[in-house]
Every structure is written in C-alpha cells, then in structure tokens.
PDB file of N, CA and C in Angstrom:
ATOM      1  N   MET A   1       0.001  34.026 -48.893  1.00  0.00           N
ATOM      2  CA  MET A   1      -0.355  32.687 -49.263  1.00  0.00           C
ATOM      3  C   MET A   1      -1.120  32.043 -48.113  1.00  0.00           C
ATOM      4  N   LYS A   2      -2.274  31.517 -48.397  1.00  0.00           N
ATOM      5  CA  LYS A   2      -3.104  30.888 -47.375  1.00  0.00           C
ATOM      6  C   LYS A   2      -2.934  29.381 -47.418  1.00  0.00           C
ATOM      7  N   ASN A   3      -2.990  28.771 -46.234  1.00  0.00           N
ATOM      8  CA  ASN A   3      -2.972  27.314 -46.155  1.00  0.00           C
ATOM      9  C   ASN A   3      -4.350  26.798 -46.505  1.00  0.00           C
ATOM     10  N   LYS A   4      -4.408  25.870 -47.431  1.00  0.00           N
ATOM     11  CA  LYS A   4      -5.680  25.307 -47.842  1.00  0.00           C
ATOM     12  C   LYS A   4      -5.937  24.031 -47.054  1.00  0.00           C
ATOM     13  N   PRO A   5      -7.174  23.861 -46.547  1.00  0.00           N
ATOM     14  CA  PRO A   5      -7.467  22.620 -45.821  1.00  0.00           C
ATOM     15  C   PRO A   5      -7.518  21.432 -46.770  1.00  0.00           C
ATOM     16  N   VAL A   6      -7.079  20.288 -46.281  1.00  0.00           N
ATOM     17  CA  VAL A   6      -7.091  19.059 -47.059  1.00  0.00           C
ATOM     18  C   VAL A   6      -7.943  18.051 -46.316  1.00  0.00           C
ATOM     19  N   ILE A   7      -8.814  17.360 -47.029  1.00  0.00           N
ATOM     20  CA  ILE A   7      -9.664  16.349 -46.404  1.00  0.00           C
ATOM     21  C   ILE A   7      -8.970  14.998 -46.547  1.00  0.00           C
ATOM     22  N   VAL A   8      -8.616  14.423 -45.385  1.00  0.00           N
ATOM     23  CA  VAL A   8      -7.950  13.123 -45.360  1.00  0.00           C
ATOM     24  C   VAL A   8      -8.817  12.187 -44.543  1.00  0.00           C
ATOM     25  N   GLU A   9      -9.403  11.185 -45.194  1.00  0.00           N
ATOM     26  CA  GLU A   9     -10.247  10.190 -44.530  1.00  0.00           C
ATOM     27  C   GLU A   9     -11.340  10.851 -43.700  1.00  0.00           C
ATOM     28  N   GLY A  10     -11.958  11.898 -44.226  1.00  0.00           N
ATOM     29  CA  GLY A  10     -13.061  12.549 -43.549  1.00  0.00           C
ATOM     30  C   GLY A  10     -12.663  13.601 -42.539  1.00  0.00           C
ATOM     31  N   ASP A  11     -11.396  13.712 -42.185  1.00  0.00           N
ATOM     32  CA  ASP A  11     -10.938  14.717 -41.235  1.00  0.00           C
ATOM     33  C   ASP A  11     -10.334  15.881 -41.996  1.00  0.00           C
ATOM     34  N   ARG A  12     -10.603  17.096 -41.501  1.00  0.00           N
ATOM     35  CA  ARG A  12      -9.988  18.271 -42.109  1.00  0.00           C
ATOM     36  C   ARG A  12      -8.711  18.588 -41.355  1.00  0.00           C
ATOM     37  N   LYS A  13      -7.616  18.671 -42.074  1.00  0.00           N
ATOM     38  CA  LYS A  13      -6.338  18.992 -41.469  1.00  0.00           C
ATOM     39  C   LYS A  13      -5.689  20.097 -42.286  1.00  0.00           C
ATOM     40  N   ALA A  14      -5.100  21.046 -41.581  1.00  0.00           N
ATOM     41  CA  ALA A  14      -4.426  22.143 -42.273  1.00  0.00           C
ATOM     42  C   ALA A  14      -3.085  21.645 -42.814  1.00  0.00           C
ATOM     43  N   VAL A  15      -2.768  22.101 -44.006  1.00  0.00           N
ATOM     44  CA  VAL A  15      -1.509  21.733 -44.632  1.00  0.00           C
ATOM     45  C   VAL A  15      -0.498  22.833 -44.367  1.00  0.00           C
ATOM     46  N   HIS A  16       0.650  22.448 -43.822  1.00  0.00           N
ATOM     47  CA  HIS A  16       1.726  23.402 -43.613  1.00  0.00           C
ATOM     48  C   HIS A  16       2.512  23.541 -44.899  1.00  0.00           C
ATOM     49  N   PRO A  17       3.235  24.644 -45.031  1.00  0.00           N
ATOM     50  CA  PRO A  17       4.006  24.844 -46.260  1.00  0.00           C
ATOM     51  C   PRO A  17       4.998  23.718 -46.546  1.00  0.00           C
ATOM     52  N   ARG A  18       5.540  23.093 -45.518  1.00  0.00           N
ATOM     53  CA  ARG A  18       6.486  22.000 -45.731  1.00  0.00           C
ATOM     54  C   ARG A  18       5.851  20.637 -45.510  1.00  0.00           C
ATOM     55  N   GLY A  19       4.556  20.580 -45.374  1.00  0.00           N
ATOM     56  CA  GLY A  19       3.867  19.308 -45.207  1.00  0.00           C
ATOM     57  C   GLY A  19       3.964  18.709 -43.819  1.00  0.00           C
ATOM     58  N   GLU A  20       4.254  19.505 -42.800  1.00  0.00           N
ATOM     59  CA  GLU A  20       4.373  18.997 -41.441  1.00  0.00           C
ATOM     60  C   GLU A  20       2.998  18.875 -40.802  1.00  0.00           C
ATOM     61  N   ARG A  21       2.903  18.037 -39.795  1.00  0.00           N
ATOM     62  CA  ARG A  21       1.662  17.893 -39.046  1.00  0.00           C
ATOM     63  C   ARG A  21       1.820  18.523 -37.678  1.00  0.00           C
ATOM     64  N   ASP A  22       0.713  18.934 -37.077  1.00  0.00           N
ATOM     65  CA  ASP A  22       0.753  19.609 -35.779  1.00  0.00           C
ATOM     66  C   ASP A  22       1.012  18.664 -34.611  1.00  0.00           C
ATOM     67  N   ASN A  23       0.594  17.422 -34.706  1.00  0.00           N
ATOM     68  CA  ASN A  23       0.609  16.560 -33.538  1.00  0.00           C
ATOM     69  C   ASN A  23       1.928  15.823 -33.336  1.00  0.00           C
ATOM     70  N   LYS A  24       2.929  16.053 -34.146  1.00  0.00           N
ATOM     71  CA  LYS A  24       4.210  15.377 -33.981  1.00  0.00           C
ATOM     72  C   LYS A  24       5.065  16.090 -32.937  1.00  0.00           C
ATOM     73  N   PHE A  25       5.744  15.302 -32.124  1.00  0.00           N
ATOM     74  CA  PHE A  25       6.692  15.863 -31.163  1.00  0.00           C
ATOM     75  C   PHE A  25       8.020  15.994 -31.887  1.00  0.00           C
ATOM     76  N   THR A  26       8.355  17.191 -32.237  1.00  0.00           N
ATOM     77  CA  THR A  26       9.554  17.414 -33.025  1.00  0.00           C
ATOM     78  C   THR A  26      10.697  17.909 -32.142  1.00  0.00           C
ATOM     79  N   LEU A  27      11.864  17.945 -32.721  1.00  0.00           N
ATOM     80  CA  LEU A  27      13.028  18.444 -32.011  1.00  0.00           C
ATOM     81  C   LEU A  27      12.852  19.916 -31.666  1.00  0.00           C
ATOM     82  N   LEU A  28      12.225  20.679 -32.559  1.00  0.00           N
ATOM     83  CA  LEU A  28      12.007  22.098 -32.274  1.00  0.00           C
ATOM     84  C   LEU A  28      11.080  22.290 -31.083  1.00  0.00           C
ATOM     85  N   ARG A  29      10.073  21.463 -30.973  1.00  0.00           N
ATOM     86  CA  ARG A  29       9.175  21.571 -29.823  1.00  0.00           C
ATOM     87  C   ARG A  29       9.919  21.230 -28.533  1.00  0.00           C
ATOM     88  N   ALA A  30      10.819  20.256 -28.579  1.00  0.00           N
ATOM     89  CA  ALA A  30      11.635  19.927 -27.400  1.00  0.00           C
ATOM     90  C   ALA A  30      12.540  21.098 -27.038  1.00  0.00           C
ATOM     91  N   VAL A  31      13.081  21.786 -28.034  1.00  0.00           N
ATOM     92  CA  VAL A  31      13.900  22.973 -27.781  1.00  0.00           C
ATOM     93  C   VAL A  31      13.055  24.059 -27.128  1.00  0.00           C
ATOM     94  N   GLY A  32      11.814  24.205 -27.571  1.00  0.00           N
ATOM     95  CA  GLY A  32      10.914  25.185 -26.969  1.00  0.00           C
ATOM     96  C   GLY A  32      10.642  24.904 -25.508  1.00  0.00           C
ATOM     97  N   TRP A  33      10.374  23.655 -25.182  1.00  0.00           N
ATOM     98  CA  TRP A  33      10.134  23.300 -23.778  1.00  0.00           C
ATOM     99  C   TRP A  33      11.390  23.465 -22.945  1.00  0.00           C
ATOM    100  N   PHE A  34      12.557  23.169 -23.529  1.00  0.00           N
ATOM    101  CA  PHE A  34      13.825  23.375 -22.827  1.00  0.00           C
ATOM    102  C   PHE A  34      14.022  24.857 -22.514  1.00  0.00           C
ATOM    103  N   GLY A  35      13.666  25.720 -23.451  1.00  0.00           N
ATOM    104  CA  GLY A  35      13.770  27.162 -23.218  1.00  0.00           C
ATOM    105  C   GLY A  35      12.865  27.632 -22.095  1.00  0.00           C
ATOM    106  N   ILE A  36      11.666  27.083 -22.027  1.00  0.00           N
ATOM    107  CA  ILE A  36      10.746  27.457 -20.951  1.00  0.00           C
ATOM    108  C   ILE A  36      11.284  26.983 -19.601  1.00  0.00           C
ATOM    109  N   VAL A  37      11.863  25.783 -19.585  1.00  0.00           N
ATOM    110  CA  VAL A  37      12.433  25.255 -18.335  1.00  0.00           C
ATOM    111  C   VAL A  37      13.593  26.130 -17.873  1.00  0.00           C
ATOM    112  N   ILE A  38      14.384  26.646 -18.806  1.00  0.00           N
ATOM    113  CA  ILE A  38      15.498  27.522 -18.440  1.00  0.00           C
ATOM    114  C   ILE A  38      14.992  28.854 -17.883  1.00  0.00           C
ATOM    115  N   ALA A  39      13.964  29.427 -18.482  1.00  0.00           N
ATOM    116  CA  ALA A  39      13.499  30.762 -18.101  1.00  0.00           C
ATOM    117  C   ALA A  39      12.624  30.758 -16.845  1.00  0.00           C
ATOM    118  N   THR A  40      11.922  29.680 -16.569  1.00  0.00           N
ATOM    119  CA  THR A  40      10.956  29.642 -15.470  1.00  0.00           C
ATOM    120  C   THR A  40      11.543  29.934 -14.086  1.00  0.00           C
ATOM    121  N   PRO A  41      12.692  29.366 -13.708  1.00  0.00           N
ATOM    122  CA  PRO A  41      13.195  29.664 -12.347  1.00  0.00           C
ATOM    123  C   PRO A  41      13.442  31.150 -12.104  1.00  0.00           C
ATOM    124  N   PHE A  42      13.911  31.861 -13.121  1.00  0.00           N
ATOM    125  CA  PHE A  42      14.174  33.284 -12.930  1.00  0.00           C
ATOM    126  C   PHE A  42      12.881  34.089 -12.871  1.00  0.00           C
ATOM    127  N   PHE A  43      11.849  33.630 -13.612  1.00  0.00           N
ATOM    128  CA  PHE A  43      10.551  34.287 -13.500  1.00  0.00           C
ATOM    129  C   PHE A  43       9.965  34.106 -12.108  1.00  0.00           C
ATOM    130  N   LEU A  44      10.160  32.952 -11.527  1.00  0.00           N
ATOM    131  CA  LEU A  44       9.628  32.703 -10.192  1.00  0.00           C
ATOM    132  C   LEU A  44      10.478  33.366  -9.106  1.00  0.00           C
ATOM    133  N   TRP A  45      11.762  33.499  -9.362  1.00  0.00           N
ATOM    134  CA  TRP A  45      12.675  34.052  -8.368  1.00  0.00           C
ATOM    135  C   TRP A  45      12.407  35.531  -8.106  1.00  0.00           C
ATOM    136  N   VAL A  46      12.043  36.286  -9.127  1.00  0.00           N
ATOM    137  CA  VAL A  46      11.830  37.735  -8.960  1.00  0.00           C
ATOM    138  C   VAL A  46      10.696  38.031  -7.976  1.00  0.00           C
ATOM    139  N   PRO A  47       9.483  37.499  -8.171  1.00  0.00           N
ATOM    140  CA  PRO A  47       8.440  37.829  -7.178  1.00  0.00           C
ATOM    141  C   PRO A  47       8.702  37.221  -5.798  1.00  0.00           C
ATOM    142  N   LEU A  48       9.305  36.032  -5.766  1.00  0.00           N
ATOM    143  CA  LEU A  48       9.612  35.440  -4.459  1.00  0.00           C
ATOM    144  C   LEU A  48      10.656  36.273  -3.721  1.00  0.00           C
ATOM    145  N   GLY A  49      11.600  36.854  -4.440  1.00  0.00           N
ATOM    146  CA  GLY A  49      12.589  37.723  -3.817  1.00  0.00           C
ATOM    147  C   GLY A  49      12.000  39.043  -3.365  1.00  0.00           C
ATOM    148  N   LEU A  50      11.017  39.538  -4.105  1.00  0.00           N
ATOM    149  CA  LEU A  50      10.390  40.808  -3.734  1.00  0.00           C
ATOM    150  C   LEU A  50       9.554  40.687  -2.462  1.00  0.00           C
ATOM    151  N   ILE A  51       8.915  39.540  -2.260  1.00  0.00           N
ATOM    152  CA  ILE A  51       8.087  39.387  -1.059  1.00  0.00           C
ATOM    153  C   ILE A  51       8.862  38.756   0.099  1.00  0.00           C
ATOM    154  N   GLY A  52      10.128  38.423  -0.114  1.00  0.00           N
ATOM    155  CA  GLY A  52      10.971  37.962   0.977  1.00  0.00           C
ATOM    156  C   GLY A  52      10.994  36.473   1.212  1.00  0.00           C
ATOM    157  N   LEU A  53      10.428  35.674   0.337  1.00  0.00           N
ATOM    158  CA  LEU A  53      10.454  34.227   0.523  1.00  0.00           C
ATOM    159  C   LEU A  53      11.747  33.590   0.014  1.00  0.00           C
ATOM    160  N   ALA A  54      12.500  34.329  -0.767  1.00  0.00           N
ATOM    161  CA  ALA A  54      13.790  33.861  -1.292  1.00  0.00           C
ATOM    162  C   ALA A  54      14.736  35.056  -1.302  1.00  0.00           C
ATOM    163  N   PRO A  55      16.037  34.805  -1.309  1.00  0.00           N
ATOM    164  CA  PRO A  55      16.953  35.947  -1.403  1.00  0.00           C
ATOM    165  C   PRO A  55      16.765  36.670  -2.738  1.00  0.00           C
ATOM    166  N   SER A  56      16.880  37.948  -2.704  1.00  0.00           N
ATOM    167  CA  SER A  56      16.676  38.751  -3.903  1.00  0.00           C
ATOM    168  C   SER A  56      17.777  38.476  -4.924  1.00  0.00           C
ATOM    169  N   ILE A  57      17.424  38.605  -6.191  1.00  0.00           N
ATOM    170  CA  ILE A  57      18.415  38.434  -7.259  1.00  0.00           C
ATOM    171  C   ILE A  57      19.509  39.484  -7.127  1.00  0.00           C
ATOM    172  N   VAL A  58      19.137  40.677  -6.711  1.00  0.00           N
ATOM    173  CA  VAL A  58      20.120  41.748  -6.545  1.00  0.00           C
ATOM    174  C   VAL A  58      21.085  41.410  -5.413  1.00  0.00           C
ATOM    175  N   ASP A  59      20.591  40.777  -4.358  1.00  0.00           N
ATOM    176  CA  ASP A  59      21.471  40.372  -3.257  1.00  0.00           C
ATOM    177  C   ASP A  59      22.473  39.308  -3.695  1.00  0.00           C
ATOM    178  N   ILE A  60      22.065  38.415  -4.562  1.00  0.00           N
ATOM    179  CA  ILE A  60      22.935  37.322  -4.997  1.00  0.00           C
ATOM    180  C   ILE A  60      23.925  37.795  -6.063  1.00  0.00           C
ATOM    181  N   PHE A  61      23.421  38.456  -7.099  1.00  0.00           N
ATOM    182  CA  PHE A  61      24.268  38.824  -8.239  1.00  0.00           C
ATOM    183  C   PHE A  61      24.782  40.255  -8.180  1.00  0.00           C
ATOM    184  N   GLY A  62      24.145  41.114  -7.408  1.00  0.00           N
ATOM    185  CA  GLY A  62      24.500  42.529  -7.406  1.00  0.00           C
ATOM    186  C   GLY A  62      23.858  43.227  -8.601  1.00  0.00           C
ATOM    187  N   VAL A  63      23.897  44.551  -8.582  1.00  0.00           N
ATOM    188  CA  VAL A  63      23.259  45.311  -9.655  1.00  0.00           C
ATOM    189  C   VAL A  63      23.994  45.085 -10.977  1.00  0.00           C
ATOM    190  N   VAL A  64      25.310  45.069 -10.917  1.00  0.00           N
ATOM    191  CA  VAL A  64      26.093  44.867 -12.140  1.00  0.00           C
ATOM    192  C   VAL A  64      25.924  43.444 -12.662  1.00  0.00           C
ATOM    193  N   GLY A  65      25.776  42.483 -11.782  1.00  0.00           N
ATOM    194  CA  GLY A  65      25.658  41.089 -12.179  1.00  0.00           C
ATOM    195  C   GLY A  65      24.269  40.671 -12.616  1.00  0.00           C
ATOM    196  N   LEU A  66      23.310  41.591 -12.636  1.00  0.00           N
ATOM    197  CA  LEU A  66      21.961  41.235 -13.072  1.00  0.00           C
ATOM    198  C   LEU A  66      21.918  40.809 -14.534  1.00  0.00           C
ATOM    199  N   ARG A  67      22.964  41.153 -15.275  1.00  0.00           N
ATOM    200  CA  ARG A  67      22.974  40.750 -16.687  1.00  0.00           C
ATOM    201  C   ARG A  67      23.095  39.238 -16.835  1.00  0.00           C
ATOM    202  N   ILE A  68      23.628  38.543 -15.838  1.00  0.00           N
ATOM    203  CA  ILE A  68      23.774  37.086 -15.929  1.00  0.00           C
ATOM    204  C   ILE A  68      22.408  36.391 -15.920  1.00  0.00           C
ATOM    205  N   PRO A  69      21.556  36.595 -14.905  1.00  0.00           N
ATOM    206  CA  PRO A  69      20.240  35.939 -14.972  1.00  0.00           C
ATOM    207  C   PRO A  69      19.373  36.503 -16.097  1.00  0.00           C
ATOM    208  N   ALA A  70      19.565  37.779 -16.427  1.00  0.00           N
ATOM    209  CA  ALA A  70      18.794  38.347 -17.541  1.00  0.00           C
ATOM    210  C   ALA A  70      19.178  37.679 -18.850  1.00  0.00           C
ATOM    211  N   ALA A  71      20.454  37.437 -19.063  1.00  0.00           N
ATOM    212  CA  ALA A  71      20.897  36.786 -20.296  1.00  0.00           C
ATOM    213  C   ALA A  71      20.399  35.342 -20.369  1.00  0.00           C
ATOM    214  N   ILE A  72      20.423  34.646 -19.236  1.00  0.00           N
ATOM    215  CA  ILE A  72      19.927  33.264 -19.222  1.00  0.00           C
ATOM    216  C   ILE A  72      18.428  33.233 -19.515  1.00  0.00           C
ATOM    217  N   THR A  73      17.673  34.157 -18.922  1.00  0.00           N
ATOM    218  CA  THR A  73      16.230  34.212 -19.148  1.00  0.00           C
ATOM    219  C   THR A  73      15.908  34.560 -20.591  1.00  0.00           C
ATOM    220  N   ILE A  74      16.585  35.545 -21.144  1.00  0.00           N
ATOM    221  CA  ILE A  74      16.333  35.934 -22.529  1.00  0.00           C
ATOM    222  C   ILE A  74      16.738  34.813 -23.480  1.00  0.00           C
ATOM    223  N   GLY A  75      17.833  34.135 -23.185  1.00  0.00           N
ATOM    224  CA  GLY A  75      18.218  32.988 -24.009  1.00  0.00           C
ATOM    225  C   GLY A  75      17.171  31.891 -23.978  1.00  0.00           C
ATOM    226  N   GLY A  76      16.622  31.612 -22.801  1.00  0.00           N
ATOM    227  CA  GLY A  76      15.554  30.618 -22.702  1.00  0.00           C
ATOM    228  C   GLY A  76      14.312  31.020 -23.450  1.00  0.00           C
ATOM    229  N   LEU A  77      13.964  32.304 -23.375  1.00  0.00           N
ATOM    230  CA  LEU A  77      12.782  32.777 -24.105  1.00  0.00           C
ATOM    231  C   LEU A  77      13.008  32.744 -25.604  1.00  0.00           C
ATOM    232  N   LEU A  78      14.215  33.022 -26.052  1.00  0.00           N
ATOM    233  CA  LEU A  78      14.513  32.920 -27.481  1.00  0.00           C
ATOM    234  C   LEU A  78      14.428  31.474 -27.958  1.00  0.00           C
ATOM    235  N   LEU A  79      14.943  30.543 -27.152  1.00  0.00           N
ATOM    236  CA  LEU A  79      14.809  29.134 -27.499  1.00  0.00           C
ATOM    237  C   LEU A  79      13.340  28.720 -27.570  1.00  0.00           C
ATOM    238  N   ALA A  80      12.537  29.197 -26.626  1.00  0.00           N
ATOM    239  CA  ALA A  80      11.105  28.874 -26.646  1.00  0.00           C
ATOM    240  C   ALA A  80      10.427  29.470 -27.870  1.00  0.00           C
ATOM    241  N   ALA A  81      10.800  30.678 -28.246  1.00  0.00           N
ATOM    242  CA  ALA A  81      10.198  31.296 -29.429  1.00  0.00           C
ATOM    243  C   ALA A  81      10.561  30.529 -30.691  1.00  0.00           C
ATOM    244  N   ILE A  82      11.784  30.056 -30.773  1.00  0.00           N
ATOM    245  CA  ILE A  82      12.190  29.276 -31.940  1.00  0.00           C
ATOM    246  C   ILE A  82      11.485  27.919 -31.935  1.00  0.00           C
ATOM    247  N   GLY A  83      11.424  27.295 -30.782  1.00  0.00           N
ATOM    248  CA  GLY A  83      10.823  25.966 -30.694  1.00  0.00           C
ATOM    249  C   GLY A  83       9.330  25.934 -30.942  1.00  0.00           C
ATOM    250  N   PHE A  84       8.623  26.971 -30.518  1.00  0.00           N
ATOM    251  CA  PHE A  84       7.161  26.994 -30.667  1.00  0.00           C
ATOM    252  C   PHE A  84       6.716  27.866 -31.829  1.00  0.00           C
ATOM    253  N   HIS A  85       7.593  28.110 -32.770  1.00  0.00           N
ATOM    254  CA  HIS A  85       7.287  29.016 -33.877  1.00  0.00           C
ATOM    255  C   HIS A  85       6.089  28.552 -34.704  1.00  0.00           C
ATOM    256  N   ARG A  86       5.949  27.295 -34.969  1.00  0.00           N
ATOM    257  CA  ARG A  86       4.897  26.787 -35.864  1.00  0.00           C
ATOM    258  C   ARG A  86       3.676  26.248 -35.143  1.00  0.00           C
ATOM    259  N   ILE A  87       3.559  26.464 -33.835  1.00  0.00           N
ATOM    260  CA  ILE A  87       2.395  25.922 -33.123  1.00  0.00           C
ATOM    261  C   ILE A  87       1.233  26.856 -33.276  1.00  0.00           C
TER     262      ILE A  87
END
C-alpha cells in the first residue's frame, strides 16, 4: 500500500496510515531521543577507553560484567528504534 500525497492549501504533504503529521513532537519521538541519550555515553566510552583517555570498560566492569553496559546500550538503541520508527 502506497501513501498518496494530499494537497492541503497548496502544500503537498504525505498522508500517514493513521493520519499523523511529521512535524509533531510526539511521545514516541521523545522516547527515541531518550534512548539515544542512554546509549551515547557507552558509545563514547569504548574509544576513549581504548586510547587511554578514560578507564576501560573492562577495567571497571570486568569481562563477565560487560553484559551490564551492553544491556544498557542495547536497551537504549531499542528505545531509539521504537521512538524513531515513523520518521
């Protein structure tokens, strides 16, 4: 099923299946940004730890404990995927 463009007051706007508009700040978009905020520190921590500017994640959590930051990062990315699904 293709979205058909609708002409509203001379502007072409795509119609979503549920009639939503792209420019609204919705709760889902806020959830997406929250997910990115959760995942970003761990993305930055890995390269900073590898070059020695911050303690390594392995030094802090240990090899067995790496599942903790990995789970937090994956949870944040899942929230971002859900929040930005319709963008």
